[in-house]
PDB file of N, CA and C in Angstrom:
ATOM      1  N   MET A   1       6.309  48.225  14.596  1.00  0.00           N
ATOM      2  CA  MET A   1       6.653  47.481  13.401  1.00  0.00           C
ATOM      3  C   MET A   1       5.846  46.183  13.285  1.00  0.00           C
ATOM      4  N   VAL A   2       5.552  45.553  14.419  1.00  0.00           N
ATOM      5  CA  VAL A   2       4.797  44.295  14.368  1.00  0.00           C
ATOM      6  C   VAL A   2       3.400  44.542  13.812  1.00  0.00           C
ATOM      7  N   LEU A   3       2.787  45.643  14.182  1.00  0.00           N
ATOM      8  CA  LEU A   3       1.447  45.936  13.688  1.00  0.00           C
ATOM      9  C   LEU A   3       1.461  46.258  12.192  1.00  0.00           C
ATOM     10  N   MET A   4       2.498  46.918  11.734  1.00  0.00           N
ATOM     11  CA  MET A   4       2.583  47.293  10.322  1.00  0.00           C
ATOM     12  C   MET A   4       3.037  46.145   9.428  1.00  0.00           C
ATOM     13  N   ASN A   5       3.848  45.233   9.969  1.00  0.00           N
ATOM     14  CA  ASN A   5       4.404  44.143   9.168  1.00  0.00           C
ATOM     15  C   ASN A   5       4.502  42.865  10.009  1.00  0.00           C
ATOM     16  N   PRO A   6       3.365  42.293  10.416  1.00  0.00           N
ATOM     17  CA  PRO A   6       3.403  41.108  11.273  1.00  0.00           C
ATOM     18  C   PRO A   6       3.750  39.844  10.500  1.00  0.00           C
ATOM     19  N   GLN A   7       4.288  38.866  11.212  1.00  0.00           N
ATOM     20  CA  GLN A   7       4.505  37.561  10.610  1.00  0.00           C
ATOM     21  C   GLN A   7       3.200  36.777  10.579  1.00  0.00           C
ATOM     22  N   GLN A   8       2.312  37.050  11.539  1.00  0.00           N
ATOM     23  CA  GLN A   8       0.997  36.411  11.585  1.00  0.00           C
ATOM     24  C   GLN A   8      -0.034  37.411  12.092  1.00  0.00           C
ATOM     25  N   VAL A   9      -1.256  37.265  11.593  1.00  0.00           N
ATOM     26  CA  VAL A   9      -2.408  37.981  12.157  1.00  0.00           C
ATOM     27  C   VAL A   9      -3.492  36.934  12.377  1.00  0.00           C
ATOM     28  N   MET A  10      -3.985  36.893  13.605  1.00  0.00           N
ATOM     29  CA  MET A  10      -4.997  35.903  13.958  1.00  0.00           C
ATOM     30  C   MET A  10      -6.181  36.603  14.605  1.00  0.00           C
ATOM     31  N   VAL A  11      -7.314  35.939  14.571  1.00  0.00           N
ATOM     32  CA  VAL A  11      -8.501  36.430  15.254  1.00  0.00           C
ATOM     33  C   VAL A  11      -8.656  35.632  16.539  1.00  0.00           C
ATOM     34  N   GLU A  12      -8.760  36.335  17.658  1.00  0.00           N
ATOM     35  CA  GLU A  12      -9.001  35.699  18.949  1.00  0.00           C
ATOM     36  C   GLU A  12     -10.154  36.443  19.599  1.00  0.00           C
ATOM     37  N   ASP A  13     -11.224  35.744  19.857  1.00  0.00           N
ATOM     38  CA  ASP A  13     -12.445  36.349  20.383  1.00  0.00           C
ATOM     39  C   ASP A  13     -12.892  37.446  19.416  1.00  0.00           C
ATOM     40  N   ASP A  14     -13.024  38.668  19.870  1.00  0.00           N
ATOM     41  CA  ASP A  14     -13.484  39.757  19.002  1.00  0.00           C
ATOM     42  C   ASP A  14     -12.372  40.723  18.634  1.00  0.00           C
ATOM     43  N   VAL A  15     -11.121  40.320  18.810  1.00  0.00           N
ATOM     44  CA  VAL A  15      -9.993  41.199  18.522  1.00  0.00           C
ATOM     45  C   VAL A  15      -9.029  40.516  17.559  1.00  0.00           C
ATOM     46  N   LEU A  16      -8.143  41.298  16.998  1.00  0.00           N
ATOM     47  CA  LEU A  16      -7.101  40.784  16.116  1.00  0.00           C
ATOM     48  C   LEU A  16      -5.782  40.774  16.871  1.00  0.00           C
ATOM     49  N   VAL A  17      -4.935  39.809  16.536  1.00  0.00           N
ATOM     50  CA  VAL A  17      -3.627  39.693  17.171  1.00  0.00           C
ATOM     51  C   VAL A  17      -2.571  39.623  16.079  1.00  0.00           C
ATOM     52  N   ALA A  18      -1.711  40.631  16.051  1.00  0.00           N
ATOM     53  CA  ALA A  18      -0.557  40.625  15.149  1.00  0.00           C
ATOM     54  C   ALA A  18       0.619  40.128  15.976  1.00  0.00           C
ATOM     55  N   GLN A  19       1.396  39.212  15.414  1.00  0.00           N
ATOM     56  CA  GLN A  19       2.524  38.701  16.179  1.00  0.00           C
ATOM     57  C   GLN A  19       3.709  38.396  15.288  1.00  0.00           C
ATOM     58  N   SER A  20       4.887  38.541  15.904  1.00  0.00           N
ATOM     59  CA  SER A  20       6.139  38.251  15.223  1.00  0.00           C
ATOM     60  C   SER A  20       7.108  37.648  16.218  1.00  0.00           C
ATOM     61  N   LYS A  21       7.894  36.686  15.741  1.00  0.00           N
ATOM     62  CA  LYS A  21       8.920  36.076  16.576  1.00  0.00           C
ATOM     63  C   LYS A  21      10.076  37.054  16.720  1.00  0.00           C
ATOM     64  N   ARG A  22      10.565  37.168  17.955  1.00  0.00           N
ATOM     65  CA  ARG A  22      11.699  38.042  18.260  1.00  0.00           C
ATOM     66  C   ARG A  22      12.632  37.278  19.188  1.00  0.00           C
ATOM     67  N   GLY A  23      13.817  36.966  18.710  1.00  0.00           N
ATOM     68  CA  GLY A  23      14.769  36.228  19.539  1.00  0.00           C
ATOM     69  C   GLY A  23      14.179  34.904  19.974  1.00  0.00           C
ATOM     70  N   GLU A  24      14.147  34.681  21.282  1.00  0.00           N
ATOM     71  CA  GLU A  24      13.611  33.448  21.857  1.00  0.00           C
ATOM     72  C   GLU A  24      12.132  33.561  22.187  1.00  0.00           C
ATOM     73  N   GLY A  25      11.487  34.668  21.814  1.00  0.00           N
ATOM     74  CA  GLY A  25      10.104  34.871  22.205  1.00  0.00           C
ATOM     75  C   GLY A  25       9.230  35.373  21.084  1.00  0.00           C
ATOM     76  N   LEU A  26       8.102  35.916  21.499  1.00  0.00           N
ATOM     77  CA  LEU A  26       7.066  36.335  20.577  1.00  0.00           C
ATOM     78  C   LEU A  26       6.508  37.671  21.053  1.00  0.00           C
ATOM     79  N   LEU A  27       6.437  38.640  20.160  1.00  0.00           N
ATOM     80  CA  LEU A  27       5.818  39.917  20.477  1.00  0.00           C
ATOM     81  C   LEU A  27       4.410  39.891  19.908  1.00  0.00           C
ATOM     82  N   ARG A  28       3.406  40.098  20.776  1.00  0.00           N
ATOM     83  CA  ARG A  28       1.994  40.033  20.385  1.00  0.00           C
ATOM     84  C   ARG A  28       1.365  41.410  20.554  1.00  0.00           C
ATOM     85  N   VAL A  29       0.660  41.875  19.531  1.00  0.00           N
ATOM     86  CA  VAL A  29      -0.027  43.162  19.562  1.00  0.00           C
ATOM     87  C   VAL A  29      -1.512  42.886  19.354  1.00  0.00           C
ATOM     88  N   ILE A  30      -2.316  43.175  20.375  1.00  0.00           N
ATOM     89  CA  ILE A  30      -3.754  42.945  20.306  1.00  0.00           C
ATOM     90  C   ILE A  30      -4.395  44.267  19.899  1.00  0.00           C
ATOM     91  N   PHE A  31      -5.219  44.221  18.835  1.00  0.00           N
ATOM     92  CA  PHE A  31      -5.779  45.461  18.306  1.00  0.00           C
ATOM     93  C   PHE A  31      -7.156  45.227  17.699  1.00  0.00           C
ATOM     94  N   VAL A  32      -7.839  46.333  17.416  1.00  0.00           N
ATOM     95  CA  VAL A  32      -9.113  46.317  16.704  1.00  0.00           C
ATOM     96  C   VAL A  32      -9.001  47.288  15.542  1.00  0.00           C
ATOM     97  N   GLU A  33      -9.790  47.045  14.523  1.00  0.00           N
ATOM     98  CA  GLU A  33      -9.862  47.966  13.394  1.00  0.00           C
ATOM     99  C   GLU A  33     -11.155  48.760  13.502  1.00  0.00           C
ATOM    100  N   ILE A  34     -11.013  50.072  13.459  1.00  0.00           N
ATOM    101  CA  ILE A  34     -12.161  50.976  13.488  1.00  0.00           C
ATOM    102  C   ILE A  34     -12.048  51.832  12.229  1.00  0.00           C
ATOM    103  N   GLY A  35     -12.904  51.552  11.271  1.00  0.00           N
ATOM    104  CA  GLY A  35     -12.783  52.240   9.983  1.00  0.00           C
ATOM    105  C   GLY A  35     -11.475  51.857   9.329  1.00  0.00           C
ATOM    106  N   ASN A  36     -10.696  52.857   8.959  1.00  0.00           N
ATOM    107  CA  ASN A  36      -9.398  52.617   8.320  1.00  0.00           C
ATOM    108  C   ASN A  36      -8.247  52.672   9.306  1.00  0.00           C
ATOM    109  N   THR A  37      -8.540  52.730  10.599  1.00  0.00           N
ATOM    110  CA  THR A  37      -7.480  52.836  11.597  1.00  0.00           C
ATOM    111  C   THR A  37      -7.394  51.564  12.426  1.00  0.00           C
ATOM    112  N   LYS A  38      -6.223  51.356  12.981  1.00  0.00           N
ATOM    113  CA  LYS A  38      -5.987  50.238  13.887  1.00  0.00           C
ATOM    114  C   LYS A  38      -5.732  50.819  15.266  1.00  0.00           C
ATOM    115  N   ARG A  39      -6.467  50.324  16.267  1.00  0.00           N
ATOM    116  CA  ARG A  39      -6.313  50.789  17.640  1.00  0.00           C
ATOM    117  C   ARG A  39      -5.709  49.675  18.476  1.00  0.00           C
ATOM    118  N   ILE A  40      -4.538  49.938  19.048  1.00  0.00           N
ATOM    119  CA  ILE A  40      -3.861  48.952  19.883  1.00  0.00           C
ATOM    120  C   ILE A  40      -4.529  48.908  21.251  1.00  0.00           C
ATOM    121  N   LEU A  41      -4.901  47.716  21.666  1.00  0.00           N
ATOM    122  CA  LEU A  41      -5.480  47.529  22.994  1.00  0.00           C
ATOM    123  C   LEU A  41      -4.387  47.227  24.016  1.00  0.00           C
ATOM    124  N   THR A  42      -3.467  46.357  23.639  1.00  0.00           N
ATOM    125  CA  THR A  42      -2.326  46.035  24.494  1.00  0.00           C
ATOM    126  C   THR A  42      -1.275  45.328  23.653  1.00  0.00           C
ATOM    127  N   LEU A  43      -0.090  45.222  24.179  1.00  0.00           N
ATOM    128  CA  LEU A  43       0.954  44.429  23.539  1.00  0.00           C
ATOM    129  C   LEU A  43       1.834  43.845  24.619  1.00  0.00           C
ATOM    130  N   TYR A  44       2.430  42.712  24.313  1.00  0.00           N
ATOM    131  CA  TYR A  44       3.317  42.081  25.284  1.00  0.00           C
ATOM    132  C   TYR A  44       4.253  41.111  24.594  1.00  0.00           C
ATOM    133  N   TRP A  45       5.353  40.822  25.278  1.00  0.00           N
ATOM    134  CA  TRP A  45       6.336  39.848  24.833  1.00  0.00           C
ATOM    135  C   TRP A  45       6.168  38.611  25.696  1.00  0.00           C
ATOM    136  N   THR A  46       6.245  37.443  25.075  1.00  0.00           N
ATOM    137  CA  THR A  46       6.151  36.191  25.811  1.00  0.00           C
ATOM    138  C   THR A  46       7.194  35.209  25.286  1.00  0.00           C
ATOM    139  N   ASN A  47       7.641  34.341  26.168  1.00  0.00           N
ATOM    140  CA  ASN A  47       8.559  33.286  25.728  1.00  0.00           C
ATOM    141  C   ASN A  47       7.803  31.986  25.453  1.00  0.00           C
ATOM    142  N   GLN A  48       6.477  32.015  25.526  1.00  0.00           N
ATOM    143  CA  GLN A  48       5.649  30.836  25.275  1.00  0.00           C
ATOM    144  C   GLN A  48       5.223  30.791  23.803  1.00  0.00           C
ATOM    145  N   VAL A  49       6.201  30.698  22.927  1.00  0.00           N
ATOM    146  CA  VAL A  49       5.953  30.723  21.484  1.00  0.00           C
ATOM    147  C   VAL A  49       5.046  29.566  21.069  1.00  0.00           C
ATOM    148  N   ASN A  50       5.299  28.377  21.565  1.00  0.00           N
ATOM    149  CA  ASN A  50       4.506  27.205  21.161  1.00  0.00           C
ATOM    150  C   ASN A  50       3.036  27.341  21.540  1.00  0.00           C
ATOM    151  N   ARG A  51       2.747  28.103  22.577  1.00  0.00           N
ATOM    152  CA  ARG A  51       1.362  28.286  23.012  1.00  0.00           C
ATOM    153  C   ARG A  51       0.571  29.150  22.030  1.00  0.00           C
ATOM    154  N   TYR A  52       1.212  30.146  21.430  1.00  0.00           N
ATOM    155  CA  TYR A  52       0.505  31.116  20.603  1.00  0.00           C
ATOM    156  C   TYR A  52       0.749  30.999  19.100  1.00  0.00           C
ATOM    157  N   TRP A  53       1.916  30.529  18.707  1.00  0.00           N
ATOM    158  CA  TRP A  53       2.261  30.486  17.283  1.00  0.00           C
ATOM    159  C   TRP A  53       1.491  29.366  16.605  1.00  0.00           C
ATOM    160  N   GLN A  54       0.899  29.672  15.471  1.00  0.00           N
ATOM    161  CA  GLN A  54       0.157  28.661  14.714  1.00  0.00           C
ATOM    162  C   GLN A  54       0.779  28.521  13.338  1.00  0.00           C
ATOM    163  N   GLU A  55       1.183  27.307  13.014  1.00  0.00           N
ATOM    164  CA  GLU A  55       1.780  27.074  11.696  1.00  0.00           C
ATOM    165  C   GLU A  55       0.778  27.327  10.593  1.00  0.00           C
ATOM    166  N   GLU A  56      -0.457  26.920  10.796  1.00  0.00           N
ATOM    167  CA  GLU A  56      -1.530  27.223   9.838  1.00  0.00           C
ATOM    168  C   GLU A  56      -2.451  28.200  10.532  1.00  0.00           C
ATOM    169  N   THR A  57      -2.453  29.445  10.053  1.00  0.00           N
ATOM    170  CA  THR A  57      -3.241  30.486  10.722  1.00  0.00           C
ATOM    171  C   THR A  57      -4.519  30.765   9.985  1.00  0.00           C
ATOM    172  N   ASN A  58      -5.414  31.416  10.669  1.00  0.00           N
ATOM    173  CA  ASN A  58      -6.646  31.919  10.065  1.00  0.00           C
ATOM    174  C   ASN A  58      -6.427  33.367   9.676  1.00  0.00           C
ATOM    175  N   GLU A  59      -5.407  33.573   8.854  1.00  0.00           N
ATOM    176  CA  GLU A  59      -5.054  34.937   8.492  1.00  0.00           C
ATOM    177  C   GLU A  59      -6.187  35.590   7.742  1.00  0.00           C
ATOM    178  N   ARG A  60      -6.272  36.894   7.931  1.00  0.00           N
ATOM    179  CA  ARG A  60      -7.322  37.666   7.305  1.00  0.00           C
ATOM    180  C   ARG A  60      -7.015  37.929   5.864  1.00  0.00           C
TER     181      ARG A  60
END
């Protein structure tokens, strides 16, 4: 669901990061776009929301 309807999408290095706040943490999905498809590289949950969440994002 985070990849299909993220609260934020950011560019980090050469990959895209879709993320959404969940409870006390943040679910991050790192992916690339190849043609019309999205390929997930990894995903993880973190409680370090302040480290990753950006109020003003470089959304695509």
